Amino acid sequence: MLVLGAFIIYIAVRFSEWLGAVGEFAASLPWWIYFVLAGIIFSGYKVILETVEEKKVDQQFIEQEGNIYIRRMEDEKKRRTSSSNKQ
């Protein structure tokens, strides 16, 4: 996938006339530069995906801990209510 992306970028730069001076500059770059650029783009994409996944996991953990806290508060309330009824 990475190689295909770099190849598509290379072909687009090489054969598009409308890029003008930018195209001429990019076409003069060595072939391995395209792989480096594709790797940077791919790394950024993976960072974004990982960040989204981490936020989901964090949210699930926060909700789980919140439910535990609420359950403890309800148990404490029941305990206090039952102890005040016994007195």
PDB file of N, CA and C in Angstrom:
ATOM      1  N   MET A   1       0.830  -1.180   0.000  1.00  0.00           N
ATOM      2  CA  MET A   1       0.000   0.000   0.000  1.00  0.00           C
ATOM      3  C   MET A   1       0.882   1.254   0.000  1.00  0.00           C
ATOM      4  N   LEU A   2       1.914   1.218   0.800  1.00  0.00           N
ATOM      5  CA  LEU A   2       2.827   2.355   0.881  1.00  0.00           C
ATOM      6  C   LEU A   2       3.550   2.556  -0.445  1.00  0.00           C
ATOM      7  N   VAL A   3       3.978   1.457  -1.049  1.00  0.00           N
ATOM      8  CA  VAL A   3       4.681   1.536  -2.331  1.00  0.00           C
ATOM      9  C   VAL A   3       3.735   2.044  -3.410  1.00  0.00           C
ATOM     10  N   LEU A   4       2.503   1.553  -3.389  1.00  0.00           N
ATOM     11  CA  LEU A   4       1.516   1.990  -4.375  1.00  0.00           C
ATOM     12  C   LEU A   4       1.239   3.481  -4.232  1.00  0.00           C
ATOM     13  N   GLY A   5       1.103   3.955  -2.999  1.00  0.00           N
ATOM     14  CA  GLY A   5       0.876   5.380  -2.768  1.00  0.00           C
ATOM     15  C   GLY A   5       2.030   6.231  -3.270  1.00  0.00           C
ATOM     16  N   ALA A   6       3.245   5.785  -2.987  1.00  0.00           N
ATOM     17  CA  ALA A   6       4.420   6.524  -3.451  1.00  0.00           C
ATOM     18  C   ALA A   6       4.487   6.510  -4.977  1.00  0.00           C
ATOM     19  N   PHE A   7       4.142   5.391  -5.581  1.00  0.00           N
ATOM     20  CA  PHE A   7       4.155   5.290  -7.041  1.00  0.00           C
ATOM     21  C   PHE A   7       3.126   6.224  -7.660  1.00  0.00           C
ATOM     22  N   ILE A   8       1.938   6.282  -7.075  1.00  0.00           N
ATOM     23  CA  ILE A   8       0.894   7.174  -7.588  1.00  0.00           C
ATOM     24  C   ILE A   8       1.331   8.630  -7.480  1.00  0.00           C
ATOM     25  N   ILE A   9       1.933   8.984  -6.358  1.00  0.00           N
ATOM     26  CA  ILE A   9       2.435  10.351  -6.191  1.00  0.00           C
ATOM     27  C   ILE A   9       3.512  10.644  -7.232  1.00  0.00           C
ATOM     28  N   TYR A  10       4.403   9.711  -7.441  1.00  0.00           N
ATOM     29  CA  TYR A  10       5.478   9.888  -8.415  1.00  0.00           C
ATOM     30  C   TYR A  10       4.907  10.086  -9.818  1.00  0.00           C
ATOM     31  N   ILE A  11       3.960   9.252 -10.213  1.00  0.00           N
ATOM     32  CA  ILE A  11       3.351   9.358 -11.544  1.00  0.00           C
ATOM     33  C   ILE A  11       2.612  10.686 -11.689  1.00  0.00           C
ATOM     34  N   ALA A  12       1.864  11.075 -10.656  1.00  0.00           N
ATOM     35  CA  ALA A  12       1.108  12.325 -10.727  1.00  0.00           C
ATOM     36  C   ALA A  12       2.037  13.520 -10.909  1.00  0.00           C
ATOM     37  N   VAL A  13       3.148  13.509 -10.206  1.00  0.00           N
ATOM     38  CA  VAL A  13       4.094  14.620 -10.314  1.00  0.00           C
ATOM     39  C   VAL A  13       4.792  14.609 -11.668  1.00  0.00           C
ATOM     40  N   ARG A  14       5.170  13.440 -12.126  1.00  0.00           N
ATOM     41  CA  ARG A  14       5.905  13.328 -13.388  1.00  0.00           C
ATOM     42  C   ARG A  14       5.075  13.744 -14.600  1.00  0.00           C
ATOM     43  N   PHE A  15       3.810  13.375 -14.639  1.00  0.00           N
ATOM     44  CA  PHE A  15       3.031  13.531 -15.868  1.00  0.00           C
ATOM     45  C   PHE A  15       1.995  14.648 -15.838  1.00  0.00           C
ATOM     46  N   SER A  16       1.890  15.368 -14.777  1.00  0.00           N
ATOM     47  CA  SER A  16       0.907  16.452 -14.777  1.00  0.00           C
ATOM     48  C   SER A  16       1.575  17.751 -15.216  1.00  0.00           C
ATOM     49  N   GLU A  17       1.040  18.335 -16.242  1.00  0.00           N
ATOM     50  CA  GLU A  17       1.616  19.566 -16.792  1.00  0.00           C
ATOM     51  C   GLU A  17       1.220  20.791 -15.976  1.00  0.00           C
ATOM     52  N   TRP A  18       0.107  20.727 -15.278  1.00  0.00           N
ATOM     53  CA  TRP A  18      -0.412  21.893 -14.584  1.00  0.00           C
ATOM     54  C   TRP A  18       0.346  22.224 -13.311  1.00  0.00           C
ATOM     55  N   LEU A  19       1.251  21.354 -12.890  1.00  0.00           N
ATOM     56  CA  LEU A  19       2.011  21.653 -11.675  1.00  0.00           C
ATOM     57  C   LEU A  19       3.096  22.699 -11.908  1.00  0.00           C
ATOM     58  N   GLY A  20       3.505  22.868 -13.138  1.00  0.00           N
ATOM     59  CA  GLY A  20       4.472  23.914 -13.467  1.00  0.00           C
ATOM     60  C   GLY A  20       5.792  23.768 -12.751  1.00  0.00           C
ATOM     61  N   ALA A  21       6.231  24.838 -12.133  1.00  0.00           N
ATOM     62  CA  ALA A  21       7.541  24.862 -11.473  1.00  0.00           C
ATOM     63  C   ALA A  21       7.599  23.892 -10.302  1.00  0.00           C
ATOM     64  N   VAL A  22       6.497  23.759  -9.595  1.00  0.00           N
ATOM     65  CA  VAL A  22       6.470  22.816  -8.474  1.00  0.00           C
ATOM     66  C   VAL A  22       6.653  21.404  -8.992  1.00  0.00           C
ATOM     67  N   GLY A  23       6.005  21.109 -10.099  1.00  0.00           N
ATOM     68  CA  GLY A  23       6.147  19.792 -10.709  1.00  0.00           C
ATOM     69  C   GLY A  23       7.561  19.531 -11.182  1.00  0.00           C
ATOM     70  N   GLU A  24       8.183  20.542 -11.750  1.00  0.00           N
ATOM     71  CA  GLU A  24       9.566  20.388 -12.202  1.00  0.00           C
ATOM     72  C   GLU A  24      10.497  20.138 -11.025  1.00  0.00           C
ATOM     73  N   PHE A  25      10.269  20.866  -9.940  1.00  0.00           N
ATOM     74  CA  PHE A  25      11.090  20.661  -8.750  1.00  0.00           C
ATOM     75  C   PHE A  25      10.869  19.266  -8.182  1.00  0.00           C
ATOM     76  N   ALA A  26       9.593  18.872  -8.041  1.00  0.00           N
ATOM     77  CA  ALA A  26       9.281  17.566  -7.473  1.00  0.00           C
ATOM     78  C   ALA A  26       9.774  16.439  -8.375  1.00  0.00           C
ATOM     79  N   ALA A  27       9.727  16.645  -9.678  1.00  0.00           N
ATOM     80  CA  ALA A  27      10.199  15.619 -10.605  1.00  0.00           C
ATOM     81  C   ALA A  27      11.708  15.458 -10.542  1.00  0.00           C
ATOM     82  N   SER A  28      12.400  16.479 -10.096  1.00  0.00           N
ATOM     83  CA  SER A  28      13.856  16.391 -10.022  1.00  0.00           C
ATOM     84  C   SER A  28      14.330  15.724  -8.732  1.00  0.00           C
ATOM     85  N   LEU A  29      13.413  15.445  -7.818  1.00  0.00           N
ATOM     86  CA  LEU A  29      13.789  14.801  -6.563  1.00  0.00           C
ATOM     87  C   LEU A  29      14.145  13.337  -6.801  1.00  0.00           C
ATOM     88  N   PRO A  30      15.034  12.798  -6.001  1.00  0.00           N
ATOM     89  CA  PRO A  30      15.349  11.365  -6.116  1.00  0.00           C
ATOM     90  C   PRO A  30      14.119  10.511  -5.782  1.00  0.00           C
ATOM     91  N   TRP A  31      14.080   9.300  -6.299  1.00  0.00           N
ATOM     92  CA  TRP A  31      12.918   8.437  -6.129  1.00  0.00           C
ATOM     93  C   TRP A  31      12.659   8.094  -4.665  1.00  0.00           C
ATOM     94  N   TRP A  32      13.707   7.998  -3.853  1.00  0.00           N
ATOM     95  CA  TRP A  32      13.515   7.580  -2.473  1.00  0.00           C
ATOM     96  C   TRP A  32      12.836   8.661  -1.633  1.00  0.00           C
ATOM     97  N   ILE A  33      12.879   9.903  -2.079  1.00  0.00           N
ATOM     98  CA  ILE A  33      12.199  10.987  -1.370  1.00  0.00           C
ATOM     99  C   ILE A  33      10.691  10.728  -1.340  1.00  0.00           C
ATOM    100  N   TYR A  34      10.162  10.166  -2.415  1.00  0.00           N
ATOM    101  CA  TYR A  34       8.733   9.866  -2.463  1.00  0.00           C
ATOM    102  C   TYR A  34       8.358   8.823  -1.416  1.00  0.00           C
ATOM    103  N   PHE A  35       9.233   7.852  -1.198  1.00  0.00           N
ATOM    104  CA  PHE A  35       8.983   6.858  -0.161  1.00  0.00           C
ATOM    105  C   PHE A  35       9.030   7.495   1.226  1.00  0.00           C
ATOM    106  N   VAL A  36       9.943   8.413   1.422  1.00  0.00           N
ATOM    107  CA  VAL A  36      10.030   9.118   2.705  1.00  0.00           C
ATOM    108  C   VAL A  36       8.760   9.926   2.948  1.00  0.00           C
ATOM    109  N   LEU A  37       8.312  10.658   1.944  1.00  0.00           N
ATOM    110  CA  LEU A  37       7.084  11.447   2.090  1.00  0.00           C
ATOM    111  C   LEU A  37       5.873  10.555   2.337  1.00  0.00           C
ATOM    112  N   ALA A  38       5.793   9.448   1.601  1.00  0.00           N
ATOM    113  CA  ALA A  38       4.684   8.514   1.810  1.00  0.00           C
ATOM    114  C   ALA A  38       4.746   7.930   3.222  1.00  0.00           C
ATOM    115  N   GLY A  39       5.935   7.649   3.715  1.00  0.00           N
ATOM    116  CA  GLY A  39       6.087   7.132   5.079  1.00  0.00           C
ATOM    117  C   GLY A  39       5.656   8.145   6.126  1.00  0.00           C
ATOM    118  N   ILE A  40       5.976   9.398   5.911  1.00  0.00           N
ATOM    119  CA  ILE A  40       5.562  10.455   6.838  1.00  0.00           C
ATOM    120  C   ILE A  40       4.045  10.582   6.857  1.00  0.00           C
ATOM    121  N   ILE A  41       3.438  10.565   5.684  1.00  0.00           N
ATOM    122  CA  ILE A  41       1.977  10.661   5.603  1.00  0.00           C
ATOM    123  C   ILE A  41       1.330   9.453   6.265  1.00  0.00           C
ATOM    124  N   PHE A  42       1.862   8.263   6.003  1.00  0.00           N
ATOM    125  CA  PHE A  42       1.316   7.044   6.602  1.00  0.00           C
ATOM    126  C   PHE A  42       1.462   7.076   8.121  1.00  0.00           C
ATOM    127  N   SER A  43       2.603   7.551   8.610  1.00  0.00           N
ATOM    128  CA  SER A  43       2.814   7.645  10.061  1.00  0.00           C
ATOM    129  C   SER A  43       1.818   8.608  10.701  1.00  0.00           C
ATOM    130  N   GLY A  44       1.583   9.735  10.057  1.00  0.00           N
ATOM    131  CA  GLY A  44       0.598  10.683  10.577  1.00  0.00           C
ATOM    132  C   GLY A  44      -0.791  10.083  10.619  1.00  0.00           C
ATOM    133  N   TYR A  45      -1.147   9.339   9.586  1.00  0.00           N
ATOM    134  CA  TYR A  45      -2.446   8.662   9.534  1.00  0.00           C
ATOM    135  C   TYR A  45      -2.581   7.666  10.682  1.00  0.00           C
ATOM    136  N   LYS A  46      -1.544   6.881  10.930  1.00  0.00           N
ATOM    137  CA  LYS A  46      -1.589   5.895  12.007  1.00  0.00           C
ATOM    138  C   LYS A  46      -1.643   6.572  13.380  1.00  0.00           C
ATOM    139  N   VAL A  47      -0.968   7.696  13.544  1.00  0.00           N
ATOM    140  CA  VAL A  47      -1.023   8.432  14.811  1.00  0.00           C
ATOM    141  C   VAL A  47      -2.445   8.897  15.082  1.00  0.00           C
ATOM    142  N   ILE A  48      -3.109   9.405  14.057  1.00  0.00           N
ATOM    143  CA  ILE A  48      -4.492   9.862  14.219  1.00  0.00           C
ATOM    144  C   ILE A  48      -5.393   8.698  14.594  1.00  0.00           C
ATOM    145  N   LEU A  49      -5.254   7.565  13.903  1.00  0.00           N
ATOM    146  CA  LEU A  49      -6.069   6.391  14.228  1.00  0.00           C
ATOM    147  C   LEU A  49      -5.818   5.920  15.656  1.00  0.00           C
ATOM    148  N   GLU A  50      -4.567   5.878  16.063  1.00  0.00           N
ATOM    149  CA  GLU A  50      -4.223   5.424  17.410  1.00  0.00           C
ATOM    150  C   GLU A  50      -4.754   6.381  18.472  1.00  0.00           C
ATOM    151  N   THR A  51      -4.717   7.669  18.206  1.00  0.00           N
ATOM    152  CA  THR A  51      -5.243   8.659  19.143  1.00  0.00           C
ATOM    153  C   THR A  51      -6.741   8.482  19.336  1.00  0.00           C
ATOM    154  N   VAL A  52      -7.461   8.258  18.246  1.00  0.00           N
ATOM    155  CA  VAL A  52      -8.909   8.045  18.338  1.00  0.00           C
ATOM    156  C   VAL A  52      -9.200   6.785  19.145  1.00  0.00           C
ATOM    157  N   GLU A  53      -8.465   5.709  18.878  1.00  0.00           N
ATOM    158  CA  GLU A  53      -8.671   4.455  19.600  1.00  0.00           C
ATOM    159  C   GLU A  53      -8.349   4.625  21.084  1.00  0.00           C
ATOM    160  N   GLU A  54      -7.288   5.349  21.395  1.00  0.00           N
ATOM    161  CA  GLU A  54      -6.907   5.567  22.790  1.00  0.00           C
ATOM    162  C   GLU A  54      -7.971   6.381  23.532  1.00  0.00           C
ATOM    163  N   LYS A  55      -8.559   7.362  22.864  1.00  0.00           N
ATOM    164  CA  LYS A  55      -9.626   8.144  23.488  1.00  0.00           C
ATOM    165  C   LYS A  55     -10.829   7.269  23.797  1.00  0.00           C
ATOM    166  N   LYS A  56     -11.149   6.338  22.902  1.00  0.00           N
ATOM    167  CA  LYS A  56     -12.268   5.422  23.145  1.00  0.00           C
ATOM    168  C   LYS A  56     -11.994   4.547  24.360  1.00  0.00           C
ATOM    169  N   VAL A  57     -10.779   4.013  24.441  1.00  0.00           N
ATOM    170  CA  VAL A  57     -10.412   3.161  25.572  1.00  0.00           C
ATOM    171  C   VAL A  57     -10.437   3.962  26.866  1.00  0.00           C
ATOM    172  N   ASP A  58      -9.905   5.176  26.842  1.00  0.00           N
ATOM    173  CA  ASP A  58      -9.926   6.032  28.028  1.00  0.00           C
ATOM    174  C   ASP A  58     -11.354   6.331  28.469  1.00  0.00           C
ATOM    175  N   GLN A  59     -12.237   6.607  27.517  1.00  0.00           N
ATOM    176  CA  GLN A  59     -13.629   6.908  27.850  1.00  0.00           C
ATOM    177  C   GLN A  59     -14.303   5.697  28.486  1.00  0.00           C
ATOM    178  N   GLN A  60     -14.034   4.505  27.957  1.00  0.00           N
ATOM    179  CA  GLN A  60     -14.607   3.293  28.538  1.00  0.00           C
ATOM    180  C   GLN A  60     -14.105   3.096  29.963  1.00  0.00           C
ATOM    181  N   PHE A  61     -12.825   3.342  30.197  1.00  0.00           N
ATOM    182  CA  PHE A  61     -12.262   3.196  31.532  1.00  0.00           C
ATOM    183  C   PHE A  61     -12.887   4.204  32.493  1.00  0.00           C
ATOM    184  N   ILE A  62     -13.043   5.438  32.048  1.00  0.00           N
ATOM    185  CA  ILE A  62     -13.643   6.476  32.890  1.00  0.00           C
ATOM    186  C   ILE A  62     -15.077   6.104  33.243  1.00  0.00           C
ATOM    187  N   GLU A  63     -15.833   5.609  32.263  1.00  0.00           N
ATOM    188  CA  GLU A  63     -17.213   5.207  32.534  1.00  0.00           C
ATOM    189  C   GLU A  63     -17.258   4.044  33.512  1.00  0.00           C
ATOM    190  N   GLN A  64     -16.359   3.090  33.364  1.00  0.00           N
ATOM    191  CA  GLN A  64     -16.314   1.944  34.266  1.00  0.00           C
ATOM    192  C   GLN A  64     -15.996   2.395  35.691  1.00  0.00           C
ATOM    193  N   GLU A  65     -15.012   3.246  35.845  1.00  0.00           N
ATOM    194  CA  GLU A  65     -14.661   3.744  37.176  1.00  0.00           C
ATOM    195  C   GLU A  65     -15.788   4.595  37.764  1.00  0.00           C
ATOM    196  N   GLY A  66     -16.470   5.354  36.920  1.00  0.00           N
ATOM    197  CA  GLY A  66     -17.607   6.143  37.393  1.00  0.00           C
ATOM    198  C   GLY A  66     -18.728   5.259  37.904  1.00  0.00           C
ATOM    199  N   ASN A  67     -18.988   4.160  37.203  1.00  0.00           N
ATOM    200  CA  ASN A  67     -20.021   3.225  37.657  1.00  0.00           C
ATOM    201  C   ASN A  67     -19.649   2.593  38.990  1.00  0.00           C
ATOM    202  N   ILE A  68     -18.376   2.267  39.159  1.00  0.00           N
ATOM    203  CA  ILE A  68     -17.918   1.715  40.442  1.00  0.00           C
ATOM    204  C   ILE A  68     -18.117   2.743  41.549  1.00  0.00           C
ATOM    205  N   TYR A  69     -17.784   3.992  41.288  1.00  0.00           N
ATOM    206  CA  TYR A  69     -17.944   5.053  42.282  1.00  0.00           C
ATOM    207  C   TYR A  69     -19.419   5.234  42.651  1.00  0.00           C
ATOM    208  N   ILE A  70     -20.280   5.253  41.649  1.00  0.00           N
ATOM    209  CA  ILE A  70     -21.716   5.416  41.911  1.00  0.00           C
ATOM    210  C   ILE A  70     -22.240   4.245  42.732  1.00  0.00           C
ATOM    211  N   ARG A  71     -21.814   3.027  42.393  1.00  0.00           N
ATOM    212  CA  ARG A  71     -22.248   1.855  43.151  1.00  0.00           C
ATOM    213  C   ARG A  71     -21.789   1.953  44.607  1.00  0.00           C
ATOM    214  N   ARG A  72     -20.576   2.404  44.850  1.00  0.00           N
ATOM    215  CA  ARG A  72     -20.078   2.560  46.220  1.00  0.00           C
ATOM    216  C   ARG A  72     -20.883   3.612  46.981  1.00  0.00           C
ATOM    217  N   MET A  73     -21.213   4.709  46.295  1.00  0.00           N
ATOM    218  CA  MET A  73     -22.012   5.752  46.944  1.00  0.00           C
ATOM    219  C   MET A  73     -23.400   5.222  47.305  1.00  0.00           C
ATOM    220  N   GLU A  74     -24.004   4.447  46.399  1.00  0.00           N
ATOM    221  CA  GLU A  74     -25.322   3.877  46.691  1.00  0.00           C
ATOM    222  C   GLU A  74     -25.244   2.888  47.845  1.00  0.00           C
ATOM    223  N   ASP A  75     -24.194   2.068  47.879  1.00  0.00           N
ATOM    224  CA  ASP A  75     -24.013   1.125  48.988  1.00  0.00           C
ATOM    225  C   ASP A  75     -23.831   1.869  50.308  1.00  0.00           C
ATOM    226  N   GLU A  76     -23.063   2.938  50.285  1.00  0.00           N
ATOM    227  CA  GLU A  76     -22.854   3.744  51.500  1.00  0.00           C
ATOM    228  C   GLU A  76     -24.162   4.375  51.961  1.00  0.00           C
ATOM    229  N   LYS A  77     -24.953   4.849  51.011  1.00  0.00           N
ATOM    230  CA  LYS A  77     -26.243   5.449  51.351  1.00  0.00           C
ATOM    231  C   LYS A  77     -27.164   4.404  51.978  1.00  0.00           C
ATOM    232  N   LYS A  78     -27.185   3.204  51.408  1.00  0.00           N
ATOM    233  CA  LYS A  78     -28.006   2.122  51.978  1.00  0.00           C
ATOM    234  C   LYS A  78     -27.515   1.755  53.372  1.00  0.00           C
ATOM    235  N   ARG A  79     -26.191   1.702  53.541  1.00  0.00           N
ATOM    236  CA  ARG A  79     -25.626   1.349  54.840  1.00  0.00           C
ATOM    237  C   ARG A  79     -26.007   2.390  55.881  1.00  0.00           C
ATOM    238  N   ARG A  80     -25.912   3.669  55.519  1.00  0.00           N
ATOM    239  CA  ARG A  80     -26.261   4.729  56.468  1.00  0.00           C
ATOM    240  C   ARG A  80     -27.757   4.718  56.774  1.00  0.00           C
ATOM    241  N   THR A  81     -28.555   4.459  55.747  1.00  0.00           N
ATOM    242  CA  THR A  81     -30.005   4.414  55.955  1.00  0.00           C
ATOM    243  C   THR A  81     -30.375   3.254  56.869  1.00  0.00           C
ATOM    244  N   SER A  82     -29.769   2.095  56.638  1.00  0.00           N
ATOM    245  CA  SER A  82     -30.088   0.930  57.469  1.00  0.00           C
ATOM    246  C   SER A  82     -29.559   1.104  58.889  1.00  0.00           C
ATOM    247  N   SER A  83     -28.413   1.748  59.061  1.00  0.00           N
ATOM    248  CA  SER A  83     -27.873   1.949  60.411  1.00  0.00           C
ATOM    249  C   SER A  83     -28.686   3.005  61.168  1.00  0.00           C
ATOM    250  N   SER A  84     -29.238   3.991  60.477  1.00  0.00           N
ATOM    251  CA  SER A  84     -30.057   4.993  61.160  1.00  0.00           C
ATOM    252  C   SER A  84     -31.430   4.422  61.505  1.00  0.00           C
ATOM    253  N   ASN A  85     -31.928   3.466  60.737  1.00  0.00           N
ATOM    254  CA  ASN A  85     -33.200   2.816  61.044  1.00  0.00           C
ATOM    255  C   ASN A  85     -33.073   1.900  62.240  1.00  0.00           C
ATOM    256  N   LYS A  86     -31.906   1.316  62.465  1.00  0.00           N
ATOM    257  CA  LYS A  86     -31.683   0.402  63.581  1.00  0.00           C
ATOM    258  C   LYS A  86     -31.600   1.157  64.902  1.00  0.00           C
ATOM    259  N   GLN A  87     -31.210   2.410  64.862  1.00  0.00           N
ATOM    260  CA  GLN A  87     -31.020   3.167  66.106  1.00  0.00           C
ATOM    261  C   GLN A  87     -32.290   3.622  66.663  1.00  0.00           C
TER     262      GLN A  87
END
